[in-house]
Amino acid sequence: MEIWKKSIDLAIEIYNLTQKGPLNNEFSLKDQIRRSATSVSNNIAEGFEYGNNNQLVRFLRIAKGSLGEVRSQIVVLQRLNFITSDEYQKIYNDCKLFQNRFLV
């Protein structure tokens, strides 16, 4: 599923971002955003595995919530100067594009 592949790309982007700079030593913040990012793909996969459209829609909504968590967390990271404005904008745009394309 393309939606799942894109959500994996987002998680990898978050993992790469959190492996560098001062954020690398901030376990709690790093762990939280990583868990939120991987939750997107995990919920998509879980919903798909049920083989039931109602369950898939339910888990897509949960994935959308996790995507909102990622967006909220990158605001905190930017305000703490753990990520640059460019990094913030890229992830924010990726999240919004992902949401608008797949999780409306």
Protein backbone atom coordinates (compact mmCIF):
# COMPACT_ATOMS: atom_id res chain seq x y z
CA MET A 1 0.00 0.00 0.00
CA GLU A 2 1.36 3.40 -0.97
CA ILE A 3 0.00 5.00 2.19
CA TRP A 4 1.99 2.58 4.33
CA LYS A 5 5.18 3.16 2.29
CA LYS A 6 4.84 6.94 2.71
CA SER A 7 4.32 6.55 6.44
CA ILE A 8 7.51 4.47 6.67
CA ASP A 9 9.33 7.26 4.79
CA LEU A 10 8.09 9.76 7.38
CA ALA A 11 9.27 7.57 10.27
CA ILE A 12 12.71 7.21 8.70
CA GLU A 13 12.87 10.97 8.19
CA ILE A 14 12.10 11.49 11.89
CA TYR A 15 14.65 8.86 12.96
CA ASN A 16 17.35 10.49 10.82
CA LEU A 17 16.51 13.92 12.21
CA THR A 18 16.67 12.75 15.82
CA GLN A 19 20.05 11.02 15.46
CA LYS A 20 21.97 14.25 15.19
CA GLY A 21 22.70 17.38 17.15
CA PRO A 22 21.46 18.16 20.64
CA LEU A 23 18.29 16.13 20.14
CA ASN A 24 20.35 12.95 20.05
CA ASN A 25 20.95 13.35 23.81
CA GLU A 26 17.34 14.24 24.70
CA PHE A 27 15.95 10.77 25.25
CA SER A 28 12.40 11.71 26.21
CA LEU A 29 11.73 14.11 23.34
CA LYS A 30 13.48 11.87 20.84
CA ASP A 31 11.59 8.79 22.00
CA GLN A 32 8.21 10.51 21.94
CA ILE A 33 8.45 11.82 18.38
CA ARG A 34 9.86 8.52 17.16
CA ARG A 35 6.98 6.61 18.75
CA SER A 36 4.45 8.99 17.21
CA ALA A 37 6.02 8.70 13.77
CA THR A 38 6.16 4.91 13.84
CA SER A 39 2.63 4.78 15.19
CA VAL A 40 1.39 6.17 11.86
CA SER A 41 2.69 3.20 9.85
CA ASN A 42 1.87 0.68 12.58
CA ASN A 43 -1.77 1.73 12.72
CA ILE A 44 -2.11 1.67 8.95
CA ALA A 45 -0.67 -1.86 8.89
CA GLU A 46 -2.85 -3.04 11.74
CA GLY A 47 -6.02 -1.66 10.20
CA PHE A 48 -5.21 -3.25 6.86
CA GLU A 49 -4.60 -6.65 8.44
CA TYR A 50 -8.14 -6.85 9.80
CA GLY A 51 -9.44 -7.11 6.23
CA ASN A 52 -12.45 -5.04 7.16
CA ASN A 53 -13.14 -1.54 5.84
CA ASN A 54 -14.64 -0.35 9.12
CA GLN A 55 -11.53 -1.40 11.03
CA LEU A 56 -9.24 0.08 8.38
CA VAL A 57 -11.02 3.44 8.63
CA ARG A 58 -10.81 3.29 12.43
CA PHE A 59 -7.06 2.71 12.34
CA LEU A 60 -6.53 5.35 9.65
CA ARG A 61 -8.14 7.84 12.04
CA ILE A 62 -5.74 6.75 14.77
CA ALA A 63 -2.84 7.15 12.32
CA LYS A 64 -4.09 10.66 11.55
CA GLY A 65 -4.00 11.43 15.27
CA SER A 66 -0.42 10.22 15.47
CA LEU A 67 0.44 12.47 12.56
CA GLY A 68 -0.98 15.38 14.55
CA GLU A 69 1.29 14.40 17.43
CA VAL A 70 4.31 14.55 15.14
CA ARG A 71 3.32 18.03 13.98
CA SER A 72 2.86 19.20 17.56
CA GLN A 73 6.19 17.76 18.64
CA ILE A 74 8.13 19.43 15.85
CA VAL A 75 6.82 22.78 17.07
CA VAL A 76 8.32 22.04 20.48
CA LEU A 77 11.58 20.89 18.88
CA GLN A 78 11.85 24.05 16.82
CA ARG A 79 11.09 26.33 19.78
CA LEU A 80 13.80 24.56 21.77
CA ASN A 81 16.18 25.07 18.84
CA PHE A 82 16.66 21.33 18.44
CA ILE A 83 15.68 21.56 14.78
CA THR A 84 16.06 24.38 12.30
CA SER A 85 13.22 26.28 10.71
CA ASP A 86 13.97 24.50 7.44
CA GLU A 87 13.81 21.08 9.10
CA TYR A 88 10.58 22.06 10.82
CA GLN A 89 9.03 23.30 7.58
CA LYS A 90 10.02 20.17 5.64
CA ILE A 91 8.53 17.79 8.17
CA TYR A 92 5.43 19.94 8.64
CA ASN A 93 4.86 20.07 4.87
CA ASP A 94 5.45 16.32 4.56
CA CYS A 95 2.92 15.65 7.33
CA LYS A 96 0.29 17.92 5.81
CA LEU A 97 0.81 16.48 2.32
CA PHE A 98 0.58 12.96 3.73
CA GLN A 99 -2.57 13.80 5.66
CA ASN A 100 -4.26 15.58 2.77
CA ARG A 101 -3.40 12.87 0.30
CA PHE A 102 -4.19 9.80 2.36
CA LEU A 103 -5.91 10.55 5.63
CA VAL A 104 -8.56 13.17 4.92
